[in-house]
Amino acid sequence: MDELTKGADFLPAVINILCGYGETCGAAIVSHLDIDKVAFVGSTAVGLHVMVVVAMSNLEKVALQLGYESKHCLQRRRS
């Protein structure tokens, strides 16, 4: 994923990829006051938890894709 974003000429710090367990890493991300947007792809149950935590923080921008069995979702634009 990191190599794909480097090849797309994104400015530094536009996309940050963090790996870790949801209970620690994910919870810190969705409740952190200095994060502007979170995108999550995964189960409906975890997505519901993300929405609850986000609703109690200052985070305003959230993108959720829920219900997929695979946590990796890449789409190629059609030309």
Protein backbone atom coordinates (compact mmCIF):
# COMPACT_ATOMS: atom_id res chain seq x y z
CA MET A 1 0.00 0.00 0.00
CA ASP A 2 2.81 2.38 0.87
CA GLU A 3 4.44 1.82 -2.53
CA LEU A 4 1.15 2.56 -4.31
CA THR A 5 0.75 5.91 -2.58
CA LYS A 6 4.38 6.86 -3.27
CA GLY A 7 3.84 6.22 -6.97
CA ALA A 8 0.73 8.41 -7.00
CA ASP A 9 2.65 11.59 -6.06
CA PHE A 10 0.75 12.37 -2.87
CA LEU A 11 2.22 15.14 -0.76
CA PRO A 12 3.99 14.02 2.42
CA ALA A 13 1.62 13.25 5.32
CA VAL A 14 -1.53 13.20 3.14
CA ILE A 15 -1.82 9.44 3.60
CA ASN A 16 -0.48 7.75 6.70
CA ILE A 17 -0.58 3.97 7.01
CA LEU A 18 -0.49 2.61 10.54
CA CYS A 19 -0.45 -1.07 11.42
CA GLY A 20 -1.57 -2.39 14.75
CA TYR A 21 -4.38 -4.00 16.67
CA GLY A 22 -7.72 -2.22 16.82
CA GLU A 23 -7.94 -2.23 20.59
CA THR A 24 -4.78 -0.12 20.85
CA CYS A 25 -3.82 1.45 17.54
CA GLY A 26 -7.30 1.84 16.06
CA ALA A 27 -8.83 3.19 19.26
CA ALA A 28 -6.07 5.78 19.56
CA ILE A 29 -6.56 6.90 15.96
CA VAL A 30 -10.34 7.39 16.07
CA SER A 31 -10.22 9.23 19.39
CA HIS A 32 -7.16 11.43 18.75
CA LEU A 33 -7.95 15.15 18.65
CA ASP A 34 -5.34 16.02 15.98
CA ILE A 35 -6.54 13.57 13.30
CA ASP A 36 -8.75 15.15 10.63
CA LYS A 37 -10.14 12.12 8.81
CA VAL A 38 -10.32 8.35 9.24
CA ALA A 39 -11.15 5.74 6.60
CA PHE A 40 -12.03 2.22 7.73
CA VAL A 41 -12.76 -0.93 5.74
CA GLY A 42 -13.94 -3.92 7.71
CA SER A 43 -16.74 -5.54 9.63
CA THR A 44 -20.05 -3.91 10.44
CA ALA A 45 -19.58 -4.52 14.16
CA VAL A 46 -16.23 -2.71 14.27
CA GLY A 47 -17.57 0.05 12.01
CA LEU A 48 -20.38 0.66 14.50
CA HIS A 49 -17.81 0.93 17.29
CA VAL A 50 -15.77 3.40 15.18
CA MET A 51 -18.88 5.55 14.66
CA VAL A 52 -19.64 5.62 18.40
CA VAL A 53 -16.08 6.63 19.35
CA VAL A 54 -15.92 9.23 16.57
CA ALA A 55 -19.26 10.71 17.67
CA MET A 56 -17.74 11.37 21.10
CA SER A 57 -14.60 13.03 19.67
CA ASN A 58 -14.03 16.08 17.49
CA LEU A 59 -13.54 14.01 14.32
CA GLU A 60 -15.89 15.15 11.57
CA LYS A 61 -14.75 13.23 8.50
CA VAL A 62 -15.14 9.46 8.48
CA ALA A 63 -15.33 7.05 5.53
CA LEU A 64 -16.61 3.55 6.27
CA GLN A 65 -16.85 0.55 3.95
CA LEU A 66 -18.43 -2.20 5.96
CA GLY A 67 -19.28 -5.85 5.53
CA TYR A 68 -16.31 -7.06 3.50
CA GLU A 69 -14.57 -10.28 4.42
CA SER A 70 -11.19 -8.96 3.27
CA LYS A 71 -9.82 -5.92 5.06
CA HIS A 72 -7.88 -4.85 1.95
CA CYS A 73 -9.91 -2.96 -0.60
CA LEU A 74 -8.21 -1.40 -3.60
CA GLN A 75 -10.03 -0.09 -6.62
CA ARG A 76 -8.54 1.00 -9.91
CA ARG A 77 -10.08 3.97 -11.67
CA ARG A 78 -11.54 3.22 -15.03
CA SER A 79 -10.12 5.30 -17.85
